[in-house]
Amino acid sequence: MNETVGLVSATSFRVPAPGLRMTFGVSWPGLFRDGRDASHQRSTSGGAGSSAGHAAPRRLTGTAASGVPAAVADRAQRIIEQEYRLTSLHRASYEPATRPLATPDRAVTAWGARRERTSAARASARWFDIVKRRDAGHAAAERAASHIEAAAAATEAVELEQRRLDTWWDALRSGHQAVVTDQLVRAFAEAGLAAAPMTVHGSYLGLAVLAPEEHLLPTEAVTLSAHGTLSVRPASKAHRARLQREVVASAVLASARCAFAAAPGLAHIRVVVLRAEHRGAVDDVSAIGVVELSRRDVASADLGVGAEALLARYGEALRWDISHPEVALRKLPLDDVPELATLLARLCRNGVDDAYRMVEPALA
């Protein structure tokens, strides 16, 4: 790799491109375009934080679509649905982790095993052949004893596995760093979220979320004239900036909700939002937002509300540029987010390791 990695400016750090892919392990375009959004954008059931009643946008009808060519109406509908998917990541449902249970084999008692074996053996002997039936009963008893021993060994194995699972579960609930980290990596991969745990300290999680890229946004916007006429026009810079901010906020909330569901011992999450600018073999990484969220607030949030509004309401220690809502989120000085140092080092290390793995087959 000829490109130099390291600090580029006060707000950007250059890393090998493979490091970003290996660390976050997912591409937002896949979540938005390959149909997985339909399975992940399920509304949660009723109760606090419910998104019930906030279904996908309806088809355009009435005066908005009247007098508009069918092709334009269809294009407008597709844009509306795409914007809804982009801004509804935080409305997905995530099953909370529960205590795992070892699966036991069929319970067998001494009396039950002997009766089962004896009945089968005696059935093969004639009813009037007493000696043969007695011998069959003795043989069945011996087989039953062997069966009981095997069942006892199986029960002991299940109990041992349950103790192992309980040890893991206790570690997950108590915030064991390695256990929680592994659990979150799996949860984010299954949910298709570009998020990576940075630090775990008991009930506290430091989380990095890779912002969806701007090129994923629709290049057109649906507008209504003063007379209610629908039209499709190129999206303005301000519209794309508002949409991008909402998409990033939705990704942040989705990642936090997924983390809280996967790790029941977490109570607070500090999220650092990263933006990557691709430059061939390297990526320039910047921080564009920081927010701290508590489990209690996230659980009680009304998911029907826009994601950025929820961050503004519930976010603590918020570093989110809200002074210019029609301007894209600005880069933050890296000195203001010192927790990124370990992650940036990991990005560089993973990128170098991946580059060597790609070269090794050619050298063999």
Protein backbone atom coordinates (compact mmCIF):
# COMPACT_ATOMS: atom_id res chain seq x y z
CA MET A 1 0.00 0.00 0.00
CA ASN A 2 1.61 3.23 -1.21
CA GLU A 3 -0.88 5.59 0.44
CA THR A 4 0.21 7.09 3.76
CA VAL A 5 -2.16 6.47 6.65
CA GLY A 6 -2.47 8.65 9.72
CA LEU A 7 -3.68 12.11 10.68
CA VAL A 8 -4.69 14.18 7.66
CA SER A 9 -6.09 17.22 9.46
CA ALA A 10 -7.52 18.19 12.82
CA THR A 11 -10.79 16.54 11.78
CA SER A 12 -9.75 13.60 9.54
CA PHE A 13 -7.71 10.43 9.92
CA ARG A 14 -6.67 8.28 6.93
CA VAL A 15 -6.99 4.49 7.25
CA PRO A 16 -6.64 1.55 4.82
CA ALA A 17 -9.94 0.93 3.06
CA PRO A 18 -10.10 -2.80 4.00
CA GLY A 19 -9.94 -1.86 7.68
CA LEU A 20 -13.26 -0.05 7.48
CA ARG A 21 -14.96 -2.99 5.78
CA MET A 22 -13.56 -5.51 8.24
CA THR A 23 -14.43 -3.50 11.34
CA PHE A 24 -18.00 -2.57 10.43
CA GLY A 25 -18.60 -5.61 8.27
CA VAL A 26 -21.65 -4.29 6.43
CA SER A 27 -22.55 -1.97 3.60
CA TRP A 28 -25.50 0.35 4.07
CA PRO A 29 -26.52 0.00 0.39
CA GLY A 30 -27.25 -3.66 1.07
CA LEU A 31 -29.67 -2.76 3.85
CA PHE A 32 -31.42 -0.14 1.74
CA ARG A 33 -31.59 -1.89 -1.60
CA ASP A 34 -31.47 -5.67 -1.39
CA GLY A 35 -34.88 -6.12 0.24
CA ARG A 36 -33.67 -6.73 3.79
CA ASP A 37 -35.29 -3.48 4.83
CA ALA A 38 -38.69 -5.11 4.57
CA SER A 39 -37.76 -7.74 7.15
CA HIS A 40 -35.96 -5.38 9.50
CA GLN A 41 -38.42 -2.48 9.39
CA ARG A 42 -41.00 -4.26 11.53
CA SER A 43 -42.97 -2.13 13.94
CA THR A 44 -42.68 -2.95 17.60
CA SER A 45 -45.76 -4.02 19.50
CA GLY A 46 -47.76 -1.67 21.69
CA GLY A 47 -46.43 0.01 24.82
CA ALA A 48 -43.80 2.61 25.52
CA GLY A 49 -41.65 3.25 22.54
CA SER A 50 -44.17 1.66 20.24
CA SER A 51 -44.30 2.63 16.60
CA ALA A 52 -47.76 1.16 16.18
CA GLY A 53 -49.83 3.24 13.82
CA HIS A 54 -46.83 4.49 11.85
CA ALA A 55 -47.01 2.19 8.87
CA ALA A 56 -45.28 2.67 5.54
CA PRO A 57 -46.53 5.62 3.45
CA ARG A 58 -49.74 5.04 1.55
CA ARG A 59 -50.13 5.23 -2.18
CA LEU A 60 -50.59 8.72 -3.58
CA THR A 61 -54.30 9.38 -4.05
CA GLY A 62 -56.72 12.25 -4.30
CA THR A 63 -55.91 15.78 -5.37
CA ALA A 64 -52.15 15.31 -5.00
CA ALA A 65 -52.08 12.78 -7.84
CA SER A 66 -54.94 14.16 -9.92
CA GLY A 67 -53.93 15.54 -13.27
CA VAL A 68 -50.43 14.10 -12.92
CA PRO A 69 -49.13 11.62 -15.51
CA ALA A 70 -49.03 8.08 -14.18
CA ALA A 71 -45.27 7.85 -14.74
CA VAL A 72 -44.68 10.95 -12.60
CA ALA A 73 -46.99 9.68 -9.85
CA ASP A 74 -45.19 6.32 -9.79
CA ARG A 75 -41.81 8.05 -9.63
CA ALA A 76 -43.01 10.24 -6.79
CA GLN A 77 -44.31 7.20 -4.91
CA ARG A 78 -40.95 5.44 -5.24
CA ILE A 79 -39.11 8.50 -3.91
CA ILE A 80 -41.47 8.80 -0.93
CA GLU A 81 -41.06 5.11 -0.10
CA GLN A 82 -37.28 5.29 -0.42
CA GLU A 83 -37.08 8.29 1.90
CA TYR A 84 -39.31 6.48 4.37
CA ARG A 85 -37.03 3.43 4.40
CA LEU A 86 -33.95 5.60 4.83
CA THR A 87 -35.40 7.46 7.80
CA SER A 88 -37.12 4.51 9.51
CA LEU A 89 -34.17 2.37 10.56
CA HIS A 90 -34.86 3.27 14.20
CA ARG A 91 -38.37 1.81 13.96
CA ALA A 92 -37.12 -1.75 13.44
CA SER A 93 -37.82 -4.28 16.18
CA TYR A 94 -35.04 -6.14 17.98
CA GLU A 95 -35.74 -9.20 20.10
CA PRO A 96 -34.24 -8.80 23.59
CA ALA A 97 -31.67 -11.36 24.65
CA THR A 98 -32.95 -13.96 27.10
CA ARG A 99 -31.29 -16.57 29.29
CA PRO A 100 -30.29 -19.48 27.04
CA LEU A 101 -31.44 -22.95 28.04
CA ALA A 102 -29.71 -26.23 27.29
CA THR A 103 -31.96 -28.68 25.48
CA PRO A 104 -32.37 -31.85 27.60
CA ASP A 105 -32.92 -35.31 26.15
CA ARG A 106 -36.12 -37.19 26.96
CA ALA A 107 -36.21 -37.81 30.70
CA VAL A 108 -35.88 -41.51 31.59
CA THR A 109 -36.48 -42.95 35.07
CA ALA A 110 -35.22 -46.31 36.34
CA TRP A 111 -38.75 -47.65 36.70
CA GLY A 112 -39.82 -46.29 33.31
CA ALA A 113 -36.78 -47.69 31.49
CA ARG A 114 -37.19 -51.14 33.05
CA ARG A 115 -40.90 -51.24 32.30
CA GLU A 116 -40.32 -50.13 28.72
CA ARG A 117 -37.63 -52.76 28.09
CA THR A 118 -39.47 -55.55 29.96
CA SER A 119 -42.74 -55.00 28.13
CA ALA A 120 -40.99 -55.11 24.77
CA ALA A 121 -39.04 -58.26 25.64
CA ARG A 122 -41.97 -60.18 27.11
CA ALA A 123 -44.11 -59.32 24.15
CA SER A 124 -41.78 -61.44 22.02
CA ALA A 125 -42.30 -64.51 24.27
CA ARG A 126 -45.42 -66.66 24.31
CA TRP A 127 -47.72 -65.93 27.23
CA PHE A 128 -47.60 -69.52 28.50
CA ASP A 129 -43.77 -69.86 28.32
CA ILE A 130 -43.04 -68.71 31.90
CA VAL A 131 -39.31 -69.51 31.87
CA LYS A 132 -38.69 -67.69 28.63
CA ARG A 133 -40.68 -64.70 29.80
CA ARG A 134 -38.70 -64.61 33.07
CA ASP A 135 -35.38 -64.76 31.20
CA ALA A 136 -36.57 -62.04 28.85
CA GLY A 137 -37.45 -59.90 31.85
CA HIS A 138 -33.96 -60.32 33.35
CA ALA A 139 -32.31 -59.44 30.02
CA ALA A 140 -34.55 -56.42 29.70
CA ALA A 141 -33.60 -55.29 33.20
CA GLU A 142 -29.92 -55.41 32.27
CA ARG A 143 -30.55 -53.39 29.13
CA ALA A 144 -32.63 -50.95 31.17
CA ALA A 145 -29.74 -50.45 33.58
CA SER A 146 -27.45 -49.67 30.66
CA HIS A 147 -30.05 -47.31 29.27
CA ILE A 148 -30.37 -45.56 32.64
CA GLU A 149 -26.61 -45.08 32.83
CA ALA A 150 -26.61 -43.51 29.37
CA ALA A 151 -29.54 -41.29 30.33
CA ALA A 152 -27.75 -40.21 33.52
CA ALA A 153 -24.66 -39.34 31.50
CA ALA A 154 -26.79 -37.34 29.06
CA THR A 155 -28.50 -35.52 31.94
CA GLU A 156 -25.13 -34.69 33.45
CA ALA A 157 -23.97 -33.32 30.09
CA VAL A 158 -27.07 -31.13 29.84
CA GLU A 159 -26.53 -29.82 33.37
CA LEU A 160 -22.90 -29.06 32.55
CA GLU A 161 -23.94 -27.21 29.39
CA GLN A 162 -26.56 -25.25 31.36
CA ARG A 163 -23.91 -24.19 33.88
CA ARG A 164 -21.74 -23.03 31.00
CA LEU A 165 -24.62 -21.08 29.48
CA ASP A 166 -25.48 -19.53 32.85
CA THR A 167 -21.87 -18.43 33.28
CA TRP A 168 -22.02 -16.77 29.86
CA TRP A 169 -25.39 -15.17 30.65
CA ASP A 170 -24.14 -13.78 33.96
CA ALA A 171 -21.09 -12.36 32.18
CA LEU A 172 -23.31 -10.72 29.55
CA ARG A 173 -25.55 -9.15 32.19
CA SER A 174 -22.63 -7.96 34.31
CA GLY A 175 -20.88 -6.27 31.38
CA HIS A 176 -17.92 -8.59 30.81
CA GLN A 177 -15.98 -6.81 28.08
CA ALA A 178 -15.17 -9.74 25.78
CA VAL A 179 -18.59 -11.37 26.13
CA VAL A 180 -20.53 -8.16 25.50
CA THR A 181 -18.30 -7.20 22.58
CA ASP A 182 -18.74 -10.57 20.85
CA GLN A 183 -22.49 -10.46 21.44
CA LEU A 184 -22.79 -6.98 19.93
CA VAL A 185 -20.68 -7.84 16.89
CA ARG A 186 -23.03 -10.74 16.14
CA ALA A 187 -26.15 -8.64 16.79
CA PHE A 188 -25.05 -5.82 14.48
CA ALA A 189 -24.11 -8.28 11.74
CA GLU A 190 -27.49 -10.04 11.95
CA ALA A 191 -29.36 -6.72 11.94
CA GLY A 192 -27.32 -5.33 9.03
CA LEU A 193 -26.15 -2.27 10.98
CA ALA A 194 -22.80 -0.58 10.34
CA ALA A 195 -21.85 -0.26 14.00
CA ALA A 196 -18.87 -1.43 16.03
CA PRO A 197 -18.33 -1.52 19.81
CA MET A 198 -15.30 0.50 20.94
CA THR A 199 -15.23 0.11 24.72
CA VAL A 200 -17.27 -1.76 27.33
CA HIS A 201 -17.11 -0.80 31.01
CA GLY A 202 -19.80 -2.58 32.99
CA SER A 203 -23.11 -0.99 32.01
CA TYR A 204 -21.44 1.59 29.74
CA LEU A 205 -20.77 1.11 26.02
CA GLY A 206 -18.74 3.23 23.65
CA LEU A 207 -20.14 2.66 20.17
CA ALA A 208 -19.04 3.79 16.70
CA VAL A 209 -21.66 4.09 13.96
CA LEU A 210 -20.66 4.53 10.33
CA ALA A 211 -22.99 7.07 8.72
CA PRO A 212 -24.76 6.01 5.51
CA GLU A 213 -23.18 7.67 2.51
CA GLU A 214 -24.79 10.62 0.79
CA HIS A 215 -24.94 8.94 -2.62
CA LEU A 216 -27.60 6.59 -1.22
CA LEU A 217 -30.07 9.47 -0.96
CA PRO A 218 -32.61 10.10 -3.72
CA THR A 219 -31.41 12.68 -6.22
CA GLU A 220 -34.99 13.89 -6.72
CA ALA A 221 -37.61 15.25 -4.36
CA VAL A 222 -41.40 15.34 -4.41
CA THR A 223 -42.91 18.81 -4.14
CA LEU A 224 -46.38 20.32 -4.05
CA SER A 225 -47.18 23.69 -5.54
CA ALA A 226 -49.34 26.30 -3.82
CA HIS A 227 -52.29 24.90 -5.79
CA GLY A 228 -51.57 21.35 -4.63
CA THR A 229 -50.04 20.11 -7.86
CA LEU A 230 -47.54 17.31 -7.40
CA SER A 231 -44.21 17.37 -9.19
CA VAL A 232 -40.82 15.68 -9.09
CA ARG A 233 -37.77 17.95 -9.19
CA PRO A 234 -34.04 17.60 -8.55
CA ALA A 235 -33.48 17.58 -4.80
CA SER A 236 -32.09 20.85 -3.49
CA LYS A 237 -28.91 20.94 -1.43
CA ALA A 238 -30.93 21.92 1.64
CA HIS A 239 -33.38 19.02 1.14
CA ARG A 240 -30.57 16.50 0.79
CA ALA A 241 -28.86 17.90 3.89
CA ARG A 242 -32.06 17.59 5.96
CA LEU A 243 -32.61 14.07 4.68
CA GLN A 244 -29.01 13.04 5.36
CA ARG A 245 -29.21 14.30 8.94
CA GLU A 246 -32.43 12.35 9.50
CA VAL A 247 -30.93 9.20 7.99
CA VAL A 248 -27.82 9.43 10.18
CA ALA A 249 -29.92 10.02 13.30
CA SER A 250 -32.10 7.03 12.43
CA ALA A 251 -29.00 4.83 12.05
CA VAL A 252 -27.72 6.01 15.45
CA LEU A 253 -30.98 5.19 17.22
CA ALA A 254 -31.29 1.84 15.45
CA SER A 255 -27.79 0.85 16.55
CA ALA A 256 -28.46 1.93 20.14
CA ARG A 257 -31.76 0.00 20.29
CA CYS A 258 -30.08 -3.08 18.85
CA ALA A 259 -27.27 -2.85 21.43
CA PHE A 260 -29.67 -2.45 24.36
CA ALA A 261 -31.66 -5.47 23.16
CA ALA A 262 -28.59 -7.68 22.67
CA ALA A 263 -26.85 -6.79 25.95
CA PRO A 264 -29.30 -6.56 28.88
CA GLY A 265 -26.62 -5.25 31.24
CA LEU A 266 -26.07 -2.03 29.30
CA ALA A 267 -27.60 1.14 30.75
CA HIS A 268 -25.80 3.93 28.85
CA ILE A 269 -24.34 4.17 25.35
CA ARG A 270 -22.08 6.89 24.00
CA VAL A 271 -22.30 6.92 20.21
CA VAL A 272 -19.69 8.49 17.96
CA VAL A 273 -20.88 8.91 14.38
CA LEU A 274 -18.22 8.49 11.71
CA ARG A 275 -18.21 9.58 8.10
CA ALA A 276 -15.87 7.97 5.59
CA GLU A 277 -14.66 9.64 2.40
CA HIS A 278 -13.39 6.99 0.00
CA ARG A 279 -10.11 7.73 -1.77
CA GLY A 280 -9.19 4.54 -3.56
CA ALA A 281 -7.11 2.30 -1.32
CA VAL A 282 -7.68 4.52 1.72
CA ASP A 283 -10.58 6.15 3.54
CA ASP A 284 -10.56 9.48 5.34
CA VAL A 285 -12.54 9.03 8.56
CA SER A 286 -14.11 11.92 10.48
CA ALA A 287 -16.43 12.27 13.47
CA ILE A 288 -19.61 14.19 12.69
CA GLY A 289 -21.66 13.64 15.84
CA VAL A 290 -21.58 12.43 19.43
CA VAL A 291 -24.56 11.53 21.60
CA GLU A 292 -25.15 9.64 24.84
CA LEU A 293 -28.35 7.66 25.28
CA SER A 294 -29.81 5.81 28.26
CA ARG A 295 -31.79 2.59 28.13
CA ARG A 296 -34.69 4.20 29.98
CA ASP A 297 -35.03 7.07 27.51
CA VAL A 298 -34.69 4.90 24.42
CA ALA A 299 -37.29 2.45 25.75
CA SER A 300 -39.82 5.23 26.36
CA ALA A 301 -39.23 7.13 23.10
CA ASP A 302 -42.10 7.47 20.64
CA LEU A 303 -40.64 5.88 17.52
CA GLY A 304 -43.21 7.58 15.34
CA VAL A 305 -41.28 10.83 15.85
CA GLY A 306 -38.39 11.69 13.55
CA ALA A 307 -35.02 10.33 14.64
CA GLU A 308 -33.20 13.67 14.79
CA ALA A 309 -35.94 15.13 16.99
CA LEU A 310 -35.58 12.15 19.33
CA LEU A 311 -31.82 12.67 19.58
CA ALA A 312 -32.35 16.34 20.37
CA ARG A 313 -34.86 15.41 23.09
CA TYR A 314 -33.15 12.45 24.76
CA GLY A 315 -29.50 12.81 23.81
CA GLU A 316 -27.06 13.74 26.58
CA ALA A 317 -23.64 15.35 26.01
CA LEU A 318 -24.95 16.00 22.50
CA ARG A 319 -22.45 17.13 19.88
CA TRP A 320 -24.84 17.51 16.99
CA ASP A 321 -24.91 20.62 14.85
CA ILE A 322 -28.50 21.80 15.24
CA SER A 323 -27.84 25.45 14.42
CA HIS A 324 -28.14 24.85 10.68
CA PRO A 325 -30.74 22.13 10.04
CA GLU A 326 -30.41 22.59 6.28
CA VAL A 327 -26.64 22.03 6.30
CA ALA A 328 -24.95 18.63 6.46
CA LEU A 329 -23.45 17.60 9.79
CA ARG A 330 -20.02 19.15 10.21
CA LYS A 331 -16.80 17.43 11.18
CA LEU A 332 -15.73 17.56 14.81
CA PRO A 333 -12.14 18.02 15.98
CA LEU A 334 -10.66 14.60 16.68
CA ASP A 335 -9.23 15.94 19.93
CA ASP A 336 -12.83 16.21 21.16
CA VAL A 337 -13.40 12.46 20.74
CA PRO A 338 -10.31 10.81 22.30
CA GLU A 339 -12.09 7.46 22.52
CA LEU A 340 -11.62 7.14 18.75
CA ALA A 341 -7.87 6.59 19.14
CA THR A 342 -8.24 2.87 19.85
CA LEU A 343 -10.75 2.41 17.03
CA LEU A 344 -8.57 4.23 14.49
CA ALA A 345 -5.62 2.04 15.47
CA ARG A 346 -7.82 -1.03 14.96
CA LEU A 347 -8.90 0.24 11.53
CA CYS A 348 -5.27 0.58 10.49
CA ARG A 349 -4.31 -2.81 11.91
CA ASN A 350 -7.26 -4.62 10.32
CA GLY A 351 -6.57 -2.96 6.99
CA VAL A 352 -2.92 -4.03 6.98
CA ASP A 353 -3.77 -7.59 8.08
CA ASP A 354 -6.38 -7.86 5.33
CA ALA A 355 -3.93 -6.58 2.71
CA TYR A 356 -1.44 -9.28 3.67
CA ARG A 357 -4.12 -11.96 3.50
CA MET A 358 -4.97 -10.81 -0.02
CA VAL A 359 -1.32 -11.04 -1.09
CA GLU A 360 -0.50 -14.41 0.51
CA PRO A 361 -2.22 -16.63 -2.13
CA ALA A 362 -0.22 -14.94 -4.89
CA LEU A 363 3.03 -15.63 -3.02
CA ALA A 364 2.25 -19.29 -2.40
